[in-house]
Amino acid sequence: MKNLREQLIKAGVKNLQEFGYPYCNEANILTDMIFKKFFLSMLKENKGIRPDIDKEIAILEKEIG
């Protein structure tokens, strides 16, 4: 599942950078107040695609808080 987690985080970083947040990276997307709020929103939009993705999203949501 770690690979799926990494894919979700990388996709989130890419999206935030495209939205004008060039300083977003794989480390601070889970800790920066603004980045993590956007990332949580992105994660919620991706629920319901596949059960394994939903499971990893739930783990990330708990981790981010």
PDB file of N, CA and C in Angstrom:
ATOM      1  N   MET A   1       0.810  -1.209   0.000  1.00  0.00           N
ATOM      2  CA  MET A   1       0.000   0.000   0.000  1.00  0.00           C
ATOM      3  C   MET A   1       0.850   1.268   0.000  1.00  0.00           C
ATOM      4  N   LYS A   2       2.108   1.137   0.386  1.00  0.00           N
ATOM      5  CA  LYS A   2       2.947   2.322   0.431  1.00  0.00           C
ATOM      6  C   LYS A   2       3.043   2.982  -0.944  1.00  0.00           C
ATOM      7  N   ASN A   3       3.094   2.177  -1.988  1.00  0.00           N
ATOM      8  CA  ASN A   3       3.165   2.722  -3.332  1.00  0.00           C
ATOM      9  C   ASN A   3       1.927   3.556  -3.650  1.00  0.00           C
ATOM     10  N   LEU A   4       0.764   3.083  -3.251  1.00  0.00           N
ATOM     11  CA  LEU A   4      -0.476   3.817  -3.487  1.00  0.00           C
ATOM     12  C   LEU A   4      -0.462   5.132  -2.713  1.00  0.00           C
ATOM     13  N   ARG A   5       0.008   5.082  -1.488  1.00  0.00           N
ATOM     14  CA  ARG A   5       0.144   6.293  -0.658  1.00  0.00           C
ATOM     15  C   ARG A   5       1.046   7.304  -1.357  1.00  0.00           C
ATOM     16  N   GLU A   6       2.187   6.843  -1.823  1.00  0.00           N
ATOM     17  CA  GLU A   6       3.125   7.727  -2.510  1.00  0.00           C
ATOM     18  C   GLU A   6       2.505   8.327  -3.765  1.00  0.00           C
ATOM     19  N   GLN A   7       1.733   7.530  -4.487  1.00  0.00           N
ATOM     20  CA  GLN A   7       1.074   8.026  -5.694  1.00  0.00           C
ATOM     21  C   GLN A   7       0.062   9.117  -5.363  1.00  0.00           C
ATOM     22  N   LEU A   8      -0.703   8.924  -4.299  1.00  0.00           N
ATOM     23  CA  LEU A   8      -1.678   9.933  -3.892  1.00  0.00           C
ATOM     24  C   LEU A   8      -0.990  11.236  -3.492  1.00  0.00           C
ATOM     25  N   ILE A   9       0.086  11.115  -2.734  1.00  0.00           N
ATOM     26  CA  ILE A   9       0.816  12.304  -2.289  1.00  0.00           C
ATOM     27  C   ILE A   9       1.445  13.020  -3.483  1.00  0.00           C
ATOM     28  N   LYS A  10       2.079  12.269  -4.373  1.00  0.00           N
ATOM     29  CA  LYS A  10       2.696  12.889  -5.552  1.00  0.00           C
ATOM     30  C   LYS A  10       1.660  13.600  -6.413  1.00  0.00           C
ATOM     31  N   ALA A  11       0.497  12.983  -6.573  1.00  0.00           N
ATOM     32  CA  ALA A  11      -0.570  13.606  -7.355  1.00  0.00           C
ATOM     33  C   ALA A  11      -1.053  14.886  -6.677  1.00  0.00           C
ATOM     34  N   GLY A  12      -1.158  14.854  -5.359  1.00  0.00           N
ATOM     35  CA  GLY A  12      -1.565  16.044  -4.617  1.00  0.00           C
ATOM     36  C   GLY A  12      -0.564  17.174  -4.765  1.00  0.00           C
ATOM     37  N   VAL A  13       0.719  16.851  -4.663  1.00  0.00           N
ATOM     38  CA  VAL A  13       1.771  17.858  -4.829  1.00  0.00           C
ATOM     39  C   VAL A  13       1.706  18.450  -6.229  1.00  0.00           C
ATOM     40  N   LYS A  14       1.576  17.595  -7.215  1.00  0.00           N
ATOM     41  CA  LYS A  14       1.506  18.066  -8.608  1.00  0.00           C
ATOM     42  C   LYS A  14       0.326  19.019  -8.793  1.00  0.00           C
ATOM     43  N   ASN A  15      -0.832  18.651  -8.266  1.00  0.00           N
ATOM     44  CA  ASN A  15      -2.019  19.502  -8.396  1.00  0.00           C
ATOM     45  C   ASN A  15      -1.815  20.852  -7.719  1.00  0.00           C
ATOM     46  N   LEU A  16      -1.279  20.832  -6.506  1.00  0.00           N
ATOM     47  CA  LEU A  16      -1.080  22.089  -5.793  1.00  0.00           C
ATOM     48  C   LEU A  16      -0.058  22.976  -6.495  1.00  0.00           C
ATOM     49  N   GLN A  17       0.980  22.377  -7.043  1.00  0.00           N
ATOM     50  CA  GLN A  17       1.961  23.169  -7.782  1.00  0.00           C
ATOM     51  C   GLN A  17       1.330  23.784  -9.022  1.00  0.00           C
ATOM     52  N   GLU A  18       0.480  23.027  -9.694  1.00  0.00           N
ATOM     53  CA  GLU A  18      -0.221  23.550 -10.873  1.00  0.00           C
ATOM     54  C   GLU A  18      -1.212  24.653 -10.506  1.00  0.00           C
ATOM     55  N   PHE A  19      -1.750  24.604  -9.277  1.00  0.00           N
ATOM     56  CA  PHE A  19      -2.693  25.625  -8.809  1.00  0.00           C
ATOM     57  C   PHE A  19      -1.984  26.868  -8.280  1.00  0.00           C
ATOM     58  N   GLY A  20      -0.647  26.906  -8.394  1.00  0.00           N
ATOM     59  CA  GLY A  20       0.079  28.108  -7.999  1.00  0.00           C
ATOM     60  C   GLY A  20       0.776  28.034  -6.663  1.00  0.00           C
ATOM     61  N   TYR A  21       1.032  26.841  -6.167  1.00  0.00           N
ATOM     62  CA  TYR A  21       1.755  26.670  -4.910  1.00  0.00           C
ATOM     63  C   TYR A  21       3.063  25.930  -5.184  1.00  0.00           C
ATOM     64  N   PRO A  22       4.057  26.624  -5.759  1.00  0.00           N
ATOM     65  CA  PRO A  22       5.299  25.969  -6.186  1.00  0.00           C
ATOM     66  C   PRO A  22       6.132  25.401  -5.045  1.00  0.00           C
ATOM     67  N   TYR A  23       5.898  25.860  -3.830  1.00  0.00           N
ATOM     68  CA  TYR A  23       6.697  25.378  -2.703  1.00  0.00           C
ATOM     69  C   TYR A  23       6.111  24.137  -2.036  1.00  0.00           C
ATOM     70  N   CYS A  24       4.996  23.672  -2.529  1.00  0.00           N
ATOM     71  CA  CYS A  24       4.416  22.442  -2.005  1.00  0.00           C
ATOM     72  C   CYS A  24       5.298  21.269  -2.424  1.00  0.00           C
ATOM     73  N   ASN A  25       5.566  20.379  -1.471  1.00  0.00           N
ATOM     74  CA  ASN A  25       6.349  19.183  -1.780  1.00  0.00           C
ATOM     75  C   ASN A  25       5.819  18.006  -0.981  1.00  0.00           C
ATOM     76  N   GLU A  26       6.434  16.845  -1.164  1.00  0.00           N
ATOM     77  CA  GLU A  26       5.941  15.620  -0.532  1.00  0.00           C
ATOM     78  C   GLU A  26       6.060  15.655   0.984  1.00  0.00           C
ATOM     79  N   ALA A  27       6.951  16.477   1.514  1.00  0.00           N
ATOM     80  CA  ALA A  27       7.099  16.567   2.967  1.00  0.00           C
ATOM     81  C   ALA A  27       6.071  17.507   3.584  1.00  0.00           C
ATOM     82  N   ASN A  28       5.864  18.678   2.976  1.00  0.00           N
ATOM     83  CA  ASN A  28       5.002  19.660   3.635  1.00  0.00           C
ATOM     84  C   ASN A  28       3.528  19.580   3.240  1.00  0.00           C
ATOM     85  N   ILE A  29       3.180  18.746   2.286  1.00  0.00           N
ATOM     86  CA  ILE A  29       1.761  18.621   1.922  1.00  0.00           C
ATOM     87  C   ILE A  29       0.946  18.023   3.073  1.00  0.00           C
ATOM     88  N   LEU A  30       1.618  17.305   3.957  1.00  0.00           N
ATOM     89  CA  LEU A  30       0.931  16.680   5.088  1.00  0.00           C
ATOM     90  C   LEU A  30       0.987  17.529   6.360  1.00  0.00           C
ATOM     91  N   THR A  31       1.775  18.614   6.333  1.00  0.00           N
ATOM     92  CA  THR A  31       1.950  19.404   7.555  1.00  0.00           C
ATOM     93  C   THR A  31       1.577  20.869   7.420  1.00  0.00           C
ATOM     94  N   ASP A  32       1.778  21.465   6.261  1.00  0.00           N
ATOM     95  CA  ASP A  32       1.461  22.876   6.066  1.00  0.00           C
ATOM     96  C   ASP A  32      -0.051  23.073   6.121  1.00  0.00           C
ATOM     97  N   MET A  33      -0.486  24.064   6.872  1.00  0.00           N
ATOM     98  CA  MET A  33      -1.917  24.276   7.110  1.00  0.00           C
ATOM     99  C   MET A  33      -2.705  24.425   5.803  1.00  0.00           C
ATOM    100  N   ILE A  34      -2.207  25.212   4.884  1.00  0.00           N
ATOM    101  CA  ILE A  34      -2.929  25.443   3.623  1.00  0.00           C
ATOM    102  C   ILE A  34      -2.865  24.217   2.725  1.00  0.00           C
ATOM    103  N   PHE A  35      -1.659  23.674   2.563  1.00  0.00           N
ATOM    104  CA  PHE A  35      -1.487  22.538   1.664  1.00  0.00           C
ATOM    105  C   PHE A  35      -2.323  21.344   2.110  1.00  0.00           C
ATOM    106  N   LYS A  36      -2.309  21.062   3.409  1.00  0.00           N
ATOM    107  CA  LYS A  36      -3.041  19.871   3.859  1.00  0.00           C
ATOM    108  C   LYS A  36      -4.555  20.034   3.719  1.00  0.00           C
ATOM    109  N   LYS A  37      -5.065  21.263   3.840  1.00  0.00           N
ATOM    110  CA  LYS A  37      -6.506  21.478   3.646  1.00  0.00           C
ATOM    111  C   LYS A  37      -6.899  21.218   2.191  1.00  0.00           C
ATOM    112  N   PHE A  38      -6.087  21.729   1.268  1.00  0.00           N
ATOM    113  CA  PHE A  38      -6.349  21.452  -0.148  1.00  0.00           C
ATOM    114  C   PHE A  38      -6.225  19.966  -0.438  1.00  0.00           C
ATOM    115  N   PHE A  39      -5.209  19.331   0.128  1.00  0.00           N
ATOM    116  CA  PHE A  39      -4.978  17.910  -0.105  1.00  0.00           C
ATOM    117  C   PHE A  39      -6.144  17.084   0.433  1.00  0.00           C
ATOM    118  N   LEU A  40      -6.630  17.416   1.608  1.00  0.00           N
ATOM    119  CA  LEU A  40      -7.796  16.710   2.160  1.00  0.00           C
ATOM    120  C   LEU A  40      -8.994  16.826   1.225  1.00  0.00           C
ATOM    121  N   SER A  41      -9.190  18.007   0.674  1.00  0.00           N
ATOM    122  CA  SER A  41     -10.292  18.212  -0.269  1.00  0.00           C
ATOM    123  C   SER A  41     -10.119  17.330  -1.504  1.00  0.00           C
ATOM    124  N   MET A  42      -8.891  17.255  -2.008  1.00  0.00           N
ATOM    125  CA  MET A  42      -8.606  16.411  -3.169  1.00  0.00           C
ATOM    126  C   MET A  42      -8.845  14.939  -2.849  1.00  0.00           C
ATOM    127  N   LEU A  43      -8.443  14.536  -1.654  1.00  0.00           N
ATOM    128  CA  LEU A  43      -8.630  13.139  -1.259  1.00  0.00           C
ATOM    129  C   LEU A  43     -10.116  12.792  -1.212  1.00  0.00           C
ATOM    130  N   LYS A  44     -10.911  13.674  -0.639  1.00  0.00           N
ATOM    131  CA  LYS A  44     -12.355  13.426  -0.536  1.00  0.00           C
ATOM    132  C   LYS A  44     -12.997  13.277  -1.920  1.00  0.00           C
ATOM    133  N   GLU A  45     -12.495  14.051  -2.889  1.00  0.00           N
ATOM    134  CA  GLU A  45     -13.028  13.974  -4.247  1.00  0.00           C
ATOM    135  C   GLU A  45     -12.712  12.636  -4.912  1.00  0.00           C
ATOM    136  N   ASN A  46     -11.703  11.939  -4.404  1.00  0.00           N
ATOM    137  CA  ASN A  46     -11.284  10.678  -5.011  1.00  0.00           C
ATOM    138  C   ASN A  46     -11.823   9.440  -4.295  1.00  0.00           C
ATOM    139  N   LYS A  47     -12.670   9.638  -3.315  1.00  0.00           N
ATOM    140  CA  LYS A  47     -13.276   8.498  -2.632  1.00  0.00           C
ATOM    141  C   LYS A  47     -14.285   7.820  -3.549  1.00  0.00           C
ATOM    142  N   GLY A  48     -14.398   6.516  -3.401  1.00  0.00           N
ATOM    143  CA  GLY A  48     -15.398   5.772  -4.147  1.00  0.00           C
ATOM    144  C   GLY A  48     -14.915   5.220  -5.472  1.00  0.00           C
ATOM    145  N   ILE A  49     -13.657   5.450  -5.791  1.00  0.00           N
ATOM    146  CA  ILE A  49     -13.126   4.936  -7.054  1.00  0.00           C
ATOM    147  C   ILE A  49     -12.798   3.452  -6.934  1.00  0.00           C
ATOM    148  N   ARG A  50     -12.030   3.123  -5.889  1.00  0.00           N
ATOM    149  CA  ARG A  50     -11.651   1.727  -5.628  1.00  0.00           C
ATOM    150  C   ARG A  50     -11.512   1.544  -4.123  1.00  0.00           C
ATOM    151  N   PRO A  51     -11.848   0.376  -3.614  1.00  0.00           N
ATOM    152  CA  PRO A  51     -11.745   0.136  -2.171  1.00  0.00           C
ATOM    153  C   PRO A  51     -10.336   0.318  -1.619  1.00  0.00           C
ATOM    154  N   ASP A  52      -9.316  -0.089  -2.367  1.00  0.00           N
ATOM    155  CA  ASP A  52      -7.954   0.050  -1.856  1.00  0.00           C
ATOM    156  C   ASP A  52      -7.537   1.522  -1.781  1.00  0.00           C
ATOM    157  N   ILE A  53      -8.026   2.322  -2.714  1.00  0.00           N
ATOM    158  CA  ILE A  53      -7.748   3.760  -2.667  1.00  0.00           C
ATOM    159  C   ILE A  53      -8.483   4.385  -1.487  1.00  0.00           C
ATOM    160  N   ASP A  54      -9.723   3.982  -1.280  1.00  0.00           N
ATOM    161  CA  ASP A  54     -10.501   4.499  -0.147  1.00  0.00           C
ATOM    162  C   ASP A  54      -9.813   4.192   1.179  1.00  0.00           C
ATOM    163  N   LYS A  55      -9.251   3.011   1.290  1.00  0.00           N
ATOM    164  CA  LYS A  55      -8.562   2.625   2.522  1.00  0.00           C
ATOM    165  C   LYS A  55      -7.349   3.521   2.758  1.00  0.00           C
ATOM    166  N   GLU A  56      -6.576   3.768   1.728  1.00  0.00           N
ATOM    167  CA  GLU A  56      -5.393   4.617   1.859  1.00  0.00           C
ATOM    168  C   GLU A  56      -5.781   6.071   2.122  1.00  0.00           C
ATOM    169  N   ILE A  57      -6.863   6.520   1.504  1.00  0.00           N
ATOM    170  CA  ILE A  57      -7.353   7.877   1.751  1.00  0.00           C
ATOM    171  C   ILE A  57      -7.748   8.026   3.221  1.00  0.00           C
ATOM    172  N   ALA A  58      -8.418   7.034   3.770  1.00  0.00           N
ATOM    173  CA  ALA A  58      -8.819   7.081   5.175  1.00  0.00           C
ATOM    174  C   ALA A  58      -7.596   7.178   6.094  1.00  0.00           C
ATOM    175  N   ILE A  59      -6.551   6.450   5.765  1.00  0.00           N
ATOM    176  CA  ILE A  59      -5.318   6.498   6.559  1.00  0.00           C
ATOM    177  C   ILE A  59      -4.703   7.895   6.484  1.00  0.00           C
ATOM    178  N   LEU A  60      -4.634   8.450   5.292  1.00  0.00           N
ATOM    179  CA  LEU A  60      -4.067   9.796   5.130  1.00  0.00           C
ATOM    180  C   LEU A  60      -4.912  10.847   5.842  1.00  0.00           C
ATOM    181  N   GLU A  61      -6.225  10.718   5.762  1.00  0.00           N
ATOM    182  CA  GLU A  61      -7.098  11.677   6.451  1.00  0.00           C
ATOM    183  C   GLU A  61      -6.848  11.669   7.956  1.00  0.00           C
ATOM    184  N   LYS A  62      -6.702  10.489   8.524  1.00  0.00           N
ATOM    185  CA  LYS A  62      -6.430  10.391   9.958  1.00  0.00           C
ATOM    186  C   LYS A  62      -5.070  10.992  10.301  1.00  0.00           C
ATOM    187  N   GLU A  63      -4.092  10.715   9.449  1.00  0.00           N
ATOM    188  CA  GLU A  63      -2.749  11.218   9.678  1.00  0.00           C
ATOM    189  C   GLU A  63      -2.691  12.751   9.616  1.00  0.00           C
ATOM    190  N   ILE A  64      -3.380  13.325   8.657  1.00  0.00           N
ATOM    191  CA  ILE A  64      -3.368  14.773   8.480  1.00  0.00           C
ATOM    192  C   ILE A  64      -4.155  15.450   9.593  1.00  0.00           C
ATOM    193  N   GLY A  65      -5.227  14.795  10.027  1.00  0.00           N
ATOM    194  CA  GLY A  65      -6.018  15.323  11.124  1.00  0.00           C
ATOM    195  C   GLY A  65      -7.144  16.121  10.645  1.00  0.00           C
TER     196      GLY A  65
END
